PDB file of N, CA and C in Angstrom:
ATOM      1  N   UNK A   1       0.831  -1.182   0.000  1.00  0.00           N
ATOM      2  CA  UNK A   1       0.000   0.000   0.000  1.00  0.00           C
ATOM      3  C   UNK A   1       0.875   1.244   0.000  1.00  0.00           C
ATOM      4  N   UNK A   2       0.508   2.215  -0.786  1.00  0.00           N
ATOM      5  CA  UNK A   2       1.245   3.461  -0.844  1.00  0.00           C
ATOM      6  C   UNK A   2       0.689   4.443   0.177  1.00  0.00           C
ATOM      7  N   UNK A   3       1.588   5.169   0.772  1.00  0.00           N
ATOM      8  CA  UNK A   3       1.157   6.216   1.700  1.00  0.00           C
ATOM      9  C   UNK A   3       1.080   7.530   0.950  1.00  0.00           C
ATOM     10  N   UNK A   4       0.092   8.273   1.256  1.00  0.00           N
ATOM     11  CA  UNK A   4      -0.071   9.585   0.622  1.00  0.00           C
ATOM     12  C   UNK A   4       0.848  10.580   1.339  1.00  0.00           C
ATOM     13  N   UNK A   5       1.728  11.201   0.587  1.00  0.00           N
ATOM     14  CA  UNK A   5       2.687  12.111   1.200  1.00  0.00           C
ATOM     15  C   UNK A   5       2.301  13.561   1.016  1.00  0.00           C
ATOM     16  N   UNK A   6       1.426  13.870   0.093  1.00  0.00           N
ATOM     17  CA  UNK A   6       1.016  15.249  -0.147  1.00  0.00           C
ATOM     18  C   UNK A   6      -0.285  15.546   0.565  1.00  0.00           C
ATOM     19  N   UNK A   7      -0.432  16.798   0.964  1.00  0.00           N
ATOM     20  CA  UNK A   7      -1.692  17.199   1.564  1.00  0.00           C
ATOM     21  C   UNK A   7      -2.766  17.248   0.499  1.00  0.00           C
ATOM     22  N   UNK A   8      -4.015  16.981   0.860  1.00  0.00           N
ATOM     23  CA  UNK A   8      -5.095  17.068  -0.128  1.00  0.00           C
ATOM     24  C   UNK A   8      -5.268  18.505  -0.601  1.00  0.00           C
ATOM     25  N   UNK A   9      -5.626  18.647  -1.841  1.00  0.00           N
ATOM     26  CA  UNK A   9      -5.823  19.970  -2.433  1.00  0.00           C
ATOM     27  C   UNK A   9      -7.174  20.535  -2.003  1.00  0.00           C
ATOM     28  N   UNK A  10      -7.225  21.822  -1.820  1.00  0.00           N
ATOM     29  CA  UNK A  10      -8.471  22.504  -1.516  1.00  0.00           C
ATOM     30  C   UNK A  10      -9.263  22.609  -2.823  1.00  0.00           C
ATOM     31  N   UNK A  11     -10.475  22.061  -2.900  1.00  0.00           N
ATOM     32  CA  UNK A  11     -11.208  22.080  -4.165  1.00  0.00           C
ATOM     33  C   UNK A  11     -11.719  23.462  -4.563  1.00  0.00           C
ATOM     34  N   UNK A  12     -11.725  24.409  -3.632  1.00  0.00           N
ATOM     35  CA  UNK A  12     -12.288  25.719  -3.922  1.00  0.00           C
ATOM     36  C   UNK A  12     -11.257  26.731  -4.405  1.00  0.00           C
ATOM     37  N   UNK A  13      -9.993  26.535  -4.071  1.00  0.00           N
ATOM     38  CA  UNK A  13      -8.941  27.464  -4.468  1.00  0.00           C
ATOM     39  C   UNK A  13      -7.758  26.677  -5.001  1.00  0.00           C
ATOM     40  N   UNK A  14      -7.153  27.219  -6.019  1.00  0.00           N
ATOM     41  CA  UNK A  14      -5.973  26.551  -6.550  1.00  0.00           C
ATOM     42  C   UNK A  14      -4.812  26.736  -5.593  1.00  0.00           C
ATOM     43  N   UNK A  15      -3.834  25.873  -5.700  1.00  0.00           N
ATOM     44  CA  UNK A  15      -2.680  25.910  -4.816  1.00  0.00           C
ATOM     45  C   UNK A  15      -1.915  27.221  -4.983  1.00  0.00           C
ATOM     46  N   UNK A  16      -1.786  27.707  -6.204  1.00  0.00           N
ATOM     47  CA  UNK A  16      -1.049  28.943  -6.432  1.00  0.00           C
ATOM     48  C   UNK A  16      -1.769  30.138  -5.799  1.00  0.00           C
ATOM     49  N   UNK A  17      -3.096  30.110  -5.786  1.00  0.00           N
ATOM     50  CA  UNK A  17      -3.849  31.190  -5.162  1.00  0.00           C
ATOM     51  C   UNK A  17      -3.608  31.197  -3.651  1.00  0.00           C
ATOM     52  N   UNK A  18      -3.568  30.021  -3.040  1.00  0.00           N
ATOM     53  CA  UNK A  18      -3.339  29.942  -1.609  1.00  0.00           C
ATOM     54  C   UNK A  18      -1.970  30.488  -1.239  1.00  0.00           C
ATOM     55  N   UNK A  19      -0.946  30.166  -1.995  1.00  0.00           N
ATOM     56  CA  UNK A  19       0.393  30.671  -1.702  1.00  0.00           C
ATOM     57  C   UNK A  19       0.461  32.181  -1.906  1.00  0.00           C
ATOM     58  N   UNK A  20      -0.192  32.684  -2.925  1.00  0.00           N
ATOM     59  CA  UNK A  20      -0.191  34.116  -3.184  1.00  0.00           C
ATOM     60  C   UNK A  20      -0.878  34.849  -2.032  1.00  0.00           C
ATOM     61  N   UNK A  21      -1.961  34.287  -1.541  1.00  0.00           N
ATOM     62  CA  UNK A  21      -2.697  34.889  -0.436  1.00  0.00           C
ATOM     63  C   UNK A  21      -1.828  34.930   0.819  1.00  0.00           C
ATOM     64  N   UNK A  22      -1.057  33.896   1.063  1.00  0.00           N
ATOM     65  CA  UNK A  22      -0.183  33.856   2.229  1.00  0.00           C
ATOM     66  C   UNK A  22       0.881  34.936   2.113  1.00  0.00           C
ATOM     67  N   UNK A  23       1.452  35.112   0.941  1.00  0.00           N
ATOM     68  CA  UNK A  23       2.475  36.136   0.762  1.00  0.00           C
ATOM     69  C   UNK A  23       1.905  37.521   1.017  1.00  0.00           C
ATOM     70  N   UNK A  24       0.683  37.772   0.617  1.00  0.00           N
ATOM     71  CA  UNK A  24       0.077  39.075   0.832  1.00  0.00           C
ATOM     72  C   UNK A  24      -0.214  39.312   2.306  1.00  0.00           C
ATOM     73  N   UNK A  25      -0.491  38.265   3.067  1.00  0.00           N
ATOM     74  CA  UNK A  25      -0.808  38.409   4.482  1.00  0.00           C
ATOM     75  C   UNK A  25       0.434  38.531   5.347  1.00  0.00           C
ATOM     76  N   UNK A  26       1.626  38.410   4.766  1.00  0.00           N
ATOM     77  CA  UNK A  26       2.854  38.506   5.531  1.00  0.00           C
ATOM     78  C   UNK A  26       3.309  39.943   5.737  1.00  0.00           C
ATOM     79  N   UNK A  27       2.440  40.900   5.503  1.00  0.00           N
ATOM     80  CA  UNK A  27       2.792  42.290   5.736  1.00  0.00           C
ATOM     81  C   UNK A  27       3.109  42.475   7.211  1.00  0.00           C
ATOM     82  N   UNK A  28       4.003  43.394   7.468  1.00  0.00           N
ATOM     83  CA  UNK A  28       4.353  43.700   8.842  1.00  0.00           C
ATOM     84  C   UNK A  28       3.135  44.278   9.555  1.00  0.00           C
ATOM     85  N   UNK A  29       2.974  43.926  10.789  1.00  0.00           N
ATOM     86  CA  UNK A  29       1.866  44.469  11.573  1.00  0.00           C
ATOM     87  C   UNK A  29       1.990  45.987  11.677  1.00  0.00           C
ATOM     88  N   UNK A  30       3.213  46.466  11.740  1.00  0.00           N
ATOM     89  CA  UNK A  30       3.416  47.911  11.853  1.00  0.00           C
ATOM     90  C   UNK A  30       3.046  48.656  10.582  1.00  0.00           C
ATOM     91  N   UNK A  31       2.963  47.961   9.455  1.00  0.00           N
ATOM     92  CA  UNK A  31       2.610  48.647   8.210  1.00  0.00           C
ATOM     93  C   UNK A  31       1.199  49.233   8.272  1.00  0.00           C
ATOM     94  N   UNK A  32       0.346  48.683   9.115  1.00  0.00           N
ATOM     95  CA  UNK A  32      -1.008  49.218   9.267  1.00  0.00           C
ATOM     96  C   UNK A  32      -1.013  50.520  10.073  1.00  0.00           C
ATOM     97  N   UNK A  33       0.065  50.777  10.777  1.00  0.00           N
ATOM     98  CA  UNK A  33       0.144  51.951  11.640  1.00  0.00           C
ATOM     99  C   UNK A  33       1.105  52.999  11.087  1.00  0.00           C
ATOM    100  N   UNK A  34       1.361  52.959   9.802  1.00  0.00           N
ATOM    101  CA  UNK A  34       2.252  53.941   9.188  1.00  0.00           C
ATOM    102  C   UNK A  34       1.441  55.014   8.457  1.00  0.00           C
ATOM    103  N   UNK A  35       2.000  56.209   8.441  1.00  0.00           N
ATOM    104  CA  UNK A  35       1.383  57.303   7.702  1.00  0.00           C
ATOM    105  C   UNK A  35       1.727  57.166   6.226  1.00  0.00           C
ATOM    106  N   UNK A  36       1.184  58.034   5.421  1.00  0.00           N
ATOM    107  CA  UNK A  36       1.480  57.975   3.989  1.00  0.00           C
ATOM    108  C   UNK A  36       2.946  58.295   3.702  1.00  0.00           C
ATOM    109  N   UNK A  37       3.609  58.990   4.629  1.00  0.00           N
ATOM    110  CA  UNK A  37       5.032  59.283   4.474  1.00  0.00           C
ATOM    111  C   UNK A  37       5.912  58.135   4.937  1.00  0.00           C
ATOM    112  N   UNK A  38       5.338  57.145   5.610  1.00  0.00           N
ATOM    113  CA  UNK A  38       6.099  55.983   6.085  1.00  0.00           C
ATOM    114  C   UNK A  38       6.478  56.049   7.544  1.00  0.00           C
ATOM    115  N   UNK A  39       6.079  57.098   8.243  1.00  0.00           N
ATOM    116  CA  UNK A  39       6.372  57.220   9.677  1.00  0.00           C
ATOM    117  C   UNK A  39       5.292  56.511  10.483  1.00  0.00           C
ATOM    118  N   UNK A  40       5.663  56.106  11.697  1.00  0.00           N
ATOM    119  CA  UNK A  40       4.682  55.466  12.568  1.00  0.00           C
ATOM    120  C   UNK A  40       3.701  56.501  13.095  1.00  0.00           C
ATOM    121  N   UNK A  41       2.419  56.135  13.110  1.00  0.00           N
ATOM    122  CA  UNK A  41       1.361  57.004  13.619  1.00  0.00           C
ATOM    123  C   UNK A  41       1.025  56.547  15.037  1.00  0.00           C
ATOM    124  N   UNK A  42       1.639  57.189  16.016  1.00  0.00           N
ATOM    125  CA  UNK A  42       1.479  56.767  17.404  1.00  0.00           C
ATOM    126  C   UNK A  42       0.061  56.996  17.923  1.00  0.00           C
ATOM    127  N   UNK A  43      -0.649  57.961  17.376  1.00  0.00           N
ATOM    128  CA  UNK A  43      -2.048  58.164  17.770  1.00  0.00           C
ATOM    129  C   UNK A  43      -2.903  56.982  17.337  1.00  0.00           C
ATOM    130  N   UNK A  44      -2.632  56.450  16.154  1.00  0.00           N
ATOM    131  CA  UNK A  44      -3.379  55.280  15.677  1.00  0.00           C
ATOM    132  C   UNK A  44      -3.030  54.050  16.508  1.00  0.00           C
ATOM    133  N   UNK A  45      -1.753  53.900  16.875  1.00  0.00           N
ATOM    134  CA  UNK A  45      -1.329  52.779  17.718  1.00  0.00           C
ATOM    135  C   UNK A  45      -2.019  52.864  19.077  1.00  0.00           C
ATOM    136  N   UNK A  46      -2.034  54.059  19.684  1.00  0.00           N
ATOM    137  CA  UNK A  46      -2.658  54.238  20.994  1.00  0.00           C
ATOM    138  C   UNK A  46      -4.166  54.010  20.921  1.00  0.00           C
ATOM    139  N   UNK A  47      -4.799  54.474  19.852  1.00  0.00           N
ATOM    140  CA  UNK A  47      -6.236  54.270  19.696  1.00  0.00           C
ATOM    141  C   UNK A  47      -6.592  52.802  19.538  1.00  0.00           C
ATOM    142  N   UNK A  48      -5.781  52.080  18.786  1.00  0.00           N
ATOM    143  CA  UNK A  48      -6.031  50.650  18.595  1.00  0.00           C
ATOM    144  C   UNK A  48      -5.824  49.893  19.901  1.00  0.00           C
ATOM    145  N   UNK A  49      -4.790  50.259  20.662  1.00  0.00           N
ATOM    146  CA  UNK A  49      -4.557  49.627  21.959  1.00  0.00           C
ATOM    147  C   UNK A  49      -5.719  49.895  22.906  1.00  0.00           C
ATOM    148  N   UNK A  50      -6.250  51.093  22.869  1.00  0.00           N
ATOM    149  CA  UNK A  50      -7.393  51.441  23.721  1.00  0.00           C
ATOM    150  C   UNK A  50      -8.628  50.624  23.330  1.00  0.00           C
ATOM    151  N   UNK A  51      -8.849  50.458  22.033  1.00  0.00           N
ATOM    152  CA  UNK A  51      -9.976  49.644  21.576  1.00  0.00           C
ATOM    153  C   UNK A  51      -9.815  48.193  22.014  1.00  0.00           C
ATOM    154  N   UNK A  52      -8.601  47.667  21.913  1.00  0.00           N
ATOM    155  CA  UNK A  52      -8.347  46.285  22.341  1.00  0.00           C
ATOM    156  C   UNK A  52      -8.598  46.131  23.838  1.00  0.00           C
ATOM    157  N   UNK A  53      -8.185  47.126  24.620  1.00  0.00           N
ATOM    158  CA  UNK A  53      -8.423  47.107  26.071  1.00  0.00           C
ATOM    159  C   UNK A  53      -9.914  47.133  26.365  1.00  0.00           C
ATOM    160  N   UNK A  54     -10.664  47.967  25.639  1.00  0.00           N
ATOM    161  CA  UNK A  54     -12.109  48.048  25.848  1.00  0.00           C
ATOM    162  C   UNK A  54     -12.800  46.725  25.523  1.00  0.00           C
ATOM    163  N   UNK A  55     -12.385  46.093  24.436  1.00  0.00           N
ATOM    164  CA  UNK A  55     -12.968  44.794  24.072  1.00  0.00           C
ATOM    165  C   UNK A  55     -12.649  43.773  25.146  1.00  0.00           C
ATOM    166  N   UNK A  56     -11.408  43.754  25.619  1.00  0.00           N
ATOM    167  CA  UNK A  56     -11.020  42.813  26.672  1.00  0.00           C
ATOM    168  C   UNK A  56     -11.840  43.035  27.932  1.00  0.00           C
ATOM    169  N   UNK A  57     -12.016  44.287  28.306  1.00  0.00           N
ATOM    170  CA  UNK A  57     -12.799  44.591  29.510  1.00  0.00           C
ATOM    171  C   UNK A  57     -14.261  44.173  29.353  1.00  0.00           C
ATOM    172  N   UNK A  58     -14.782  44.201  28.140  1.00  0.00           N
ATOM    173  CA  UNK A  58     -16.165  43.797  27.922  1.00  0.00           C
ATOM    174  C   UNK A  58     -16.333  42.278  27.965  1.00  0.00           C
ATOM    175  N   UNK A  59     -15.364  41.522  27.444  1.00  0.00           N
ATOM    176  CA  UNK A  59     -15.526  40.061  27.395  1.00  0.00           C
ATOM    177  C   UNK A  59     -14.896  39.365  28.592  1.00  0.00           C
ATOM    178  N   UNK A  60     -14.124  40.074  29.387  1.00  0.00           N
ATOM    179  CA  UNK A  60     -13.456  39.462  30.524  1.00  0.00           C
ATOM    180  C   UNK A  60     -14.432  38.805  31.511  1.00  0.00           C
ATOM    181  N   UNK A  61     -15.567  39.409  31.859  1.00  0.00           N
ATOM    182  CA  UNK A  61     -16.494  38.734  32.784  1.00  0.00           C
ATOM    183  C   UNK A  61     -17.004  37.386  32.250  1.00  0.00           C
ATOM    184  N   UNK A  62     -17.223  37.293  30.951  1.00  0.00           N
ATOM    185  CA  UNK A  62     -17.687  36.031  30.382  1.00  0.00           C
ATOM    186  C   UNK A  62     -16.596  34.976  30.422  1.00  0.00           C
ATOM    187  N   UNK A  63     -15.367  35.396  30.150  1.00  0.00           N
ATOM    188  CA  UNK A  63     -14.251  34.446  30.170  1.00  0.00           C
ATOM    189  C   UNK A  63     -14.025  33.918  31.574  1.00  0.00           C
ATOM    190  N   UNK A  64     -14.023  34.809  32.562  1.00  0.00           N
ATOM    191  CA  UNK A  64     -13.786  34.366  33.942  1.00  0.00           C
ATOM    192  C   UNK A  64     -14.928  33.495  34.437  1.00  0.00           C
ATOM    193  N   UNK A  65     -16.141  33.731  33.970  1.00  0.00           N
ATOM    194  CA  UNK A  65     -17.267  32.903  34.376  1.00  0.00           C
ATOM    195  C   UNK A  65     -17.095  31.465  33.891  1.00  0.00           C
ATOM    196  N   UNK A  66     -16.599  31.287  32.657  1.00  0.00           N
ATOM    197  CA  UNK A  66     -16.410  29.940  32.124  1.00  0.00           C
ATOM    198  C   UNK A  66     -15.185  29.264  32.729  1.00  0.00           C
ATOM    199  N   UNK A  67     -14.178  30.023  33.073  1.00  0.00           N
ATOM    200  CA  UNK A  67     -12.970  29.437  33.636  1.00  0.00           C
ATOM    201  C   UNK A  67     -13.164  28.998  35.087  1.00  0.00           C
ATOM    202  N   UNK A  68     -14.091  29.623  35.807  1.00  0.00           N
ATOM    203  CA  UNK A  68     -14.333  29.260  37.194  1.00  0.00           C
ATOM    204  C   UNK A  68     -15.096  27.956  37.332  1.00  0.00           C
ATOM    205  N   UNK A  69     -15.813  27.564  36.284  1.00  0.00           N
ATOM    206  CA  UNK A  69     -16.618  26.334  36.361  1.00  0.00           C
ATOM    207  C   UNK A  69     -15.774  25.110  36.310  1.00  0.00           C
TER     208      UNK A  69
END
């Protein structure tokens, strides 16, 4: 019996499309926080951090409720 050594292909997307998509997603996280001149936008970084904190504070009671059980 032969063993299958390759992963099964995704029937919805070609293999080349999947690799291209991965390359596009490898952008630096900091690239989202750069201005049009290429400098870091610290106001955008601080605003995003504040939003993440707010989301965490909103879902934290639900998480702790499930972890205590």
